[in-house]
Structures are given as C-alpha cells and as structure tokens.
C-alpha cells in the first residue's frame, strides 16, 4: 500500500524536498501515510484538511 505522499507527491514526508520549508506532515510523522484521510490537520493541496478525525 502506498503512502499518501507517494501518491500526492507533496514532498512533506520525513526528508522530503519540502519538509524543511513546510514541515513534515503529521501523517508522515505518525507513520499513517496510508490512512492520512483519518487525521485532522493534514495539509493536502496546501489547505488544512478536516477538523475532526
């Protein structure tokens, strides 16, 4: 199963090209890239996604 950052190519995974500029995504920090849709506050598309998980 692929992680969301592999599909979306956001670069916000640990060590990713945008992780220093934008920070590491909470889905990557928590190792939940295959379930990122369950995590409130991810920044898919540059906008905060969801408020309740």
PDB file of N, CA and C in Angstrom:
ATOM      1  N   UNK A   1       0.841  -1.168   0.000  1.00  0.00           N
ATOM      2  CA  UNK A   1       0.000   0.000   0.000  1.00  0.00           C
ATOM      3  C   UNK A   1       0.895   1.243   0.000  1.00  0.00           C
ATOM      4  N   UNK A   2       0.622   2.171  -0.895  1.00  0.00           N
ATOM      5  CA  UNK A   2       1.442   3.377  -0.981  1.00  0.00           C
ATOM      6  C   UNK A   2       1.021   4.400   0.068  1.00  0.00           C
ATOM      7  N   UNK A   3       1.997   5.205   0.487  1.00  0.00           N
ATOM      8  CA  UNK A   3       1.719   6.317   1.388  1.00  0.00           C
ATOM      9  C   UNK A   3       1.163   7.490   0.586  1.00  0.00           C
ATOM     10  N   UNK A   4       0.418   8.363   1.271  1.00  0.00           N
ATOM     11  CA  UNK A   4      -0.210   9.495   0.582  1.00  0.00           C
ATOM     12  C   UNK A   4       0.822  10.380  -0.107  1.00  0.00           C
ATOM     13  N   UNK A   5       1.987  10.594   0.495  1.00  0.00           N
ATOM     14  CA  UNK A   5       2.993  11.468  -0.117  1.00  0.00           C
ATOM     15  C   UNK A   5       3.604  10.856  -1.373  1.00  0.00           C
ATOM     16  N   UNK A   6       3.538   9.540  -1.494  1.00  0.00           N
ATOM     17  CA  UNK A   6       3.993   8.895  -2.720  1.00  0.00           C
ATOM     18  C   UNK A   6       2.982   9.109  -3.849  1.00  0.00           C
ATOM     19  N   UNK A   7       1.721   9.193  -3.498  1.00  0.00           N
ATOM     20  CA  UNK A   7       0.663   9.391  -4.483  1.00  0.00           C
ATOM     21  C   UNK A   7       0.521  10.875  -4.827  1.00  0.00           C
ATOM     22  N   UNK A   8       0.458  11.736  -3.791  1.00  0.00           N
ATOM     23  CA  UNK A   8       0.238  13.169  -3.983  1.00  0.00           C
ATOM     24  C   UNK A   8       1.509  13.928  -4.366  1.00  0.00           C
ATOM     25  N   UNK A   9       2.664  13.330  -4.088  1.00  0.00           N
ATOM     26  CA  UNK A   9       3.964  13.950  -4.398  1.00  0.00           C
ATOM     27  C   UNK A   9       4.093  15.342  -3.749  1.00  0.00           C
ATOM     28  N   UNK A  10       3.684  15.442  -2.482  1.00  0.00           N
ATOM     29  CA  UNK A  10       3.709  16.729  -1.768  1.00  0.00           C
ATOM     30  C   UNK A  10       5.102  17.104  -1.272  1.00  0.00           C
ATOM     31  N   UNK A  11       5.971  16.118  -1.071  1.00  0.00           N
ATOM     32  CA  UNK A  11       7.323  16.407  -0.597  1.00  0.00           C
ATOM     33  C   UNK A  11       7.419  16.690   0.887  1.00  0.00           C
ATOM     34  N   UNK A  12       6.349  16.417   1.638  1.00  0.00           N
ATOM     35  CA  UNK A  12       6.341  16.732   3.061  1.00  0.00           C
ATOM     36  C   UNK A  12       6.616  15.522   3.953  1.00  0.00           C
ATOM     37  N   UNK A  13       7.079  14.428   3.362  1.00  0.00           N
ATOM     38  CA  UNK A  13       7.479  13.282   4.159  1.00  0.00           C
ATOM     39  C   UNK A  13       8.804  13.579   4.842  1.00  0.00           C
ATOM     40  N   UNK A  14       9.184  12.799   5.828  1.00  0.00           N
ATOM     41  CA  UNK A  14      10.454  12.980   6.519  1.00  0.00           C
ATOM     42  C   UNK A  14      11.591  12.933   5.510  1.00  0.00           C
ATOM     43  N   UNK A  15      12.390  13.997   5.445  1.00  0.00           N
ATOM     44  CA  UNK A  15      13.485  14.092   4.493  1.00  0.00           C
ATOM     45  C   UNK A  15      13.056  14.512   3.096  1.00  0.00           C
ATOM     46  N   UNK A  16      11.775  14.804   2.911  1.00  0.00           N
ATOM     47  CA  UNK A  16      11.253  15.196   1.604  1.00  0.00           C
ATOM     48  C   UNK A  16      11.716  16.588   1.203  1.00  0.00           C
ATOM     49  N   UNK A  17      11.613  16.913  -0.089  1.00  0.00           N
ATOM     50  CA  UNK A  17      12.123  18.188  -0.597  1.00  0.00           C
ATOM     51  C   UNK A  17      11.433  19.427  -0.026  1.00  0.00           C
ATOM     52  N   UNK A  18      10.220  19.308   0.489  1.00  0.00           N
ATOM     53  CA  UNK A  18       9.524  20.463   1.059  1.00  0.00           C
ATOM     54  C   UNK A  18       9.404  20.392   2.582  1.00  0.00           C
ATOM     55  N   UNK A  19      10.005  19.371   3.192  1.00  0.00           N
ATOM     56  CA  UNK A  19       9.849  19.195   4.636  1.00  0.00           C
ATOM     57  C   UNK A  19      10.510  20.300   5.449  1.00  0.00           C
ATOM     58  N   UNK A  20      11.609  20.855   4.971  1.00  0.00           N
ATOM     59  CA  UNK A  20      12.252  21.956   5.700  1.00  0.00           C
ATOM     60  C   UNK A  20      11.455  23.244   5.568  1.00  0.00           C
ATOM     61  N   UNK A  21      10.921  23.486   4.382  1.00  0.00           N
ATOM     62  CA  UNK A  21      10.160  24.710   4.109  1.00  0.00           C
ATOM     63  C   UNK A  21       8.779  24.683   4.772  1.00  0.00           C
ATOM     64  N   UNK A  22       8.061  23.560   4.631  1.00  0.00           N
ATOM     65  CA  UNK A  22       6.674  23.472   5.085  1.00  0.00           C
ATOM     66  C   UNK A  22       6.483  22.604   6.323  1.00  0.00           C
ATOM     67  N   UNK A  23       7.533  21.895   6.721  1.00  0.00           N
ATOM     68  CA  UNK A  23       7.430  20.980   7.854  1.00  0.00           C
ATOM     69  C   UNK A  23       7.020  19.587   7.405  1.00  0.00           C
ATOM     70  N   UNK A  24       7.261  18.633   8.262  1.00  0.00           N
ATOM     71  CA  UNK A  24       6.890  17.249   7.981  1.00  0.00           C
ATOM     72  C   UNK A  24       5.409  17.086   8.319  1.00  0.00           C
ATOM     73  N   UNK A  25       4.674  16.509   7.402  1.00  0.00           N
ATOM     74  CA  UNK A  25       3.240  16.297   7.587  1.00  0.00           C
ATOM     75  C   UNK A  25       2.997  15.370   8.776  1.00  0.00           C
ATOM     76  N   UNK A  26       1.920  15.636   9.494  1.00  0.00           N
ATOM     77  CA  UNK A  26       1.562  14.814  10.646  1.00  0.00           C
ATOM     78  C   UNK A  26       1.349  13.349  10.239  1.00  0.00           C
ATOM     79  N   UNK A  27       0.838  13.091   9.051  1.00  0.00           N
ATOM     80  CA  UNK A  27       0.657  11.714   8.586  1.00  0.00           C
ATOM     81  C   UNK A  27       1.997  11.005   8.466  1.00  0.00           C
ATOM     82  N   UNK A  28       3.023  11.702   8.012  1.00  0.00           N
ATOM     83  CA  UNK A  28       4.359  11.111   7.900  1.00  0.00           C
ATOM     84  C   UNK A  28       4.987  10.937   9.284  1.00  0.00           C
ATOM     85  N   UNK A  29       4.820  11.928  10.149  1.00  0.00           N
ATOM     86  CA  UNK A  29       5.376  11.829  11.499  1.00  0.00           C
ATOM     87  C   UNK A  29       4.794  10.655  12.265  1.00  0.00           C
ATOM     88  N   UNK A  30       3.511  10.419  12.094  1.00  0.00           N
ATOM     89  CA  UNK A  30       2.824   9.342  12.806  1.00  0.00           C
ATOM     90  C   UNK A  30       2.843   8.019  12.042  1.00  0.00           C
ATOM     91  N   UNK A  31       3.527   7.995  10.895  1.00  0.00           N
ATOM     92  CA  UNK A  31       3.620   6.811  10.041  1.00  0.00           C
ATOM     93  C   UNK A  31       2.237   6.289   9.645  1.00  0.00           C
ATOM     94  N   UNK A  32       1.360   7.228   9.263  1.00  0.00           N
ATOM     95  CA  UNK A  32      -0.003   6.879   8.851  1.00  0.00           C
ATOM     96  C   UNK A  32      -0.294   7.355   7.441  1.00  0.00           C
ATOM     97  N   UNK A  33       0.702   7.322   6.585  1.00  0.00           N
ATOM     98  CA  UNK A  33       0.536   7.795   5.222  1.00  0.00           C
ATOM     99  C   UNK A  33      -0.501   7.050   4.421  1.00  0.00           C
ATOM    100  N   UNK A  34      -0.791   5.810   4.777  1.00  0.00           N
ATOM    101  CA  UNK A  34      -1.822   5.050   4.076  1.00  0.00           C
ATOM    102  C   UNK A  34      -3.214   5.340   4.639  1.00  0.00           C
ATOM    103  N   UNK A  35      -3.276   6.081   5.755  1.00  0.00           N
ATOM    104  CA  UNK A  35      -4.553   6.416   6.388  1.00  0.00           C
ATOM    105  C   UNK A  35      -4.657   7.909   6.675  1.00  0.00           C
ATOM    106  N   UNK A  36      -4.028   8.730   5.871  1.00  0.00           N
ATOM    107  CA  UNK A  36      -3.978  10.160   6.153  1.00  0.00           C
ATOM    108  C   UNK A  36      -5.359  10.799   6.184  1.00  0.00           C
ATOM    109  N   UNK A  37      -6.304  10.232   5.482  1.00  0.00           N
ATOM    110  CA  UNK A  37      -7.664  10.763   5.460  1.00  0.00           C
ATOM    111  C   UNK A  37      -8.309  10.723   6.836  1.00  0.00           C
ATOM    112  N   UNK A  38      -7.763   9.922   7.769  1.00  0.00           N
ATOM    113  CA  UNK A  38      -8.313   9.828   9.121  1.00  0.00           C
ATOM    114  C   UNK A  38      -7.728  10.876  10.066  1.00  0.00           C
ATOM    115  N   UNK A  39      -6.711  11.596   9.627  1.00  0.00           N
ATOM    116  CA  UNK A  39      -6.001  12.518  10.507  1.00  0.00           C
ATOM    117  C   UNK A  39      -6.420  13.953  10.209  1.00  0.00           C
ATOM    118  N   UNK A  40      -6.980  14.628  11.205  1.00  0.00           N
ATOM    119  CA  UNK A  40      -7.355  16.037  11.036  1.00  0.00           C
ATOM    120  C   UNK A  40      -6.095  16.885  10.993  1.00  0.00           C
ATOM    121  N   UNK A  41      -6.098  17.901  10.156  1.00  0.00           N
ATOM    122  CA  UNK A  41      -4.999  18.851  10.104  1.00  0.00           C
ATOM    123  C   UNK A  41      -3.926  18.576   9.085  1.00  0.00           C
ATOM    124  N   UNK A  42      -4.071  17.545   8.260  1.00  0.00           N
ATOM    125  CA  UNK A  42      -3.091  17.343   7.191  1.00  0.00           C
ATOM    126  C   UNK A  42      -3.246  18.464   6.177  1.00  0.00           C
ATOM    127  N   UNK A  43      -2.214  18.726   5.414  1.00  0.00           N
ATOM    128  CA  UNK A  43      -2.215  19.873   4.511  1.00  0.00           C
ATOM    129  C   UNK A  43      -2.257  19.472   3.041  1.00  0.00           C
ATOM    130  N   UNK A  44      -3.092  18.540   2.681  1.00  0.00           N
ATOM    131  CA  UNK A  44      -3.211  18.139   1.280  1.00  0.00           C
ATOM    132  C   UNK A  44      -3.668  19.309   0.424  1.00  0.00           C
ATOM    133  N   UNK A  45      -2.989  19.532  -0.669  1.00  0.00           N
ATOM    134  CA  UNK A  45      -3.347  20.613  -1.564  1.00  0.00           C
ATOM    135  C   UNK A  45      -3.048  21.990  -1.012  1.00  0.00           C
ATOM    136  N   UNK A  46      -2.221  22.055   0.035  1.00  0.00           N
ATOM    137  CA  UNK A  46      -1.848  23.347   0.617  1.00  0.00           C
ATOM    138  C   UNK A  46      -2.888  23.930   1.556  1.00  0.00           C
ATOM    139  N   UNK A  47      -3.963  23.185   1.841  1.00  0.00           N
ATOM    140  CA  UNK A  47      -5.007  23.658   2.754  1.00  0.00           C
ATOM    141  C   UNK A  47      -5.235  22.624   3.847  1.00  0.00           C
ATOM    142  N   UNK A  48      -5.491  23.104   5.055  1.00  0.00           N
ATOM    143  CA  UNK A  48      -5.744  22.204   6.165  1.00  0.00           C
ATOM    144  C   UNK A  48      -7.001  21.388   5.850  1.00  0.00           C
ATOM    145  N   UNK A  49      -6.892  20.083   6.048  1.00  0.00           N
ATOM    146  CA  UNK A  49      -7.993  19.172   5.748  1.00  0.00           C
ATOM    147  C   UNK A  49      -8.654  18.685   7.035  1.00  0.00           C
ATOM    148  N   UNK A  50      -9.909  18.932   7.191  1.00  0.00           N
ATOM    149  CA  UNK A  50     -10.683  18.383   8.309  1.00  0.00           C
ATOM    150  C   UNK A  50     -10.374  18.994   9.655  1.00  0.00           C
ATOM    151  N   UNK A  51     -11.343  18.891  10.533  1.00  0.00           N
ATOM    152  CA  UNK A  51     -11.147  19.374  11.900  1.00  0.00           C
ATOM    153  C   UNK A  51     -11.437  18.288  12.923  1.00  0.00           C
ATOM    154  N   UNK A  52     -12.070  17.203  12.497  1.00  0.00           N
ATOM    155  CA  UNK A  52     -12.396  16.112  13.394  1.00  0.00           C
ATOM    156  C   UNK A  52     -11.986  14.805  12.722  1.00  0.00           C
ATOM    157  N   UNK A  53     -11.260  13.982  13.457  1.00  0.00           N
ATOM    158  CA  UNK A  53     -10.857  12.693  12.906  1.00  0.00           C
ATOM    159  C   UNK A  53     -11.696  11.588  13.497  1.00  0.00           C
TER     160      UNK A  53
END
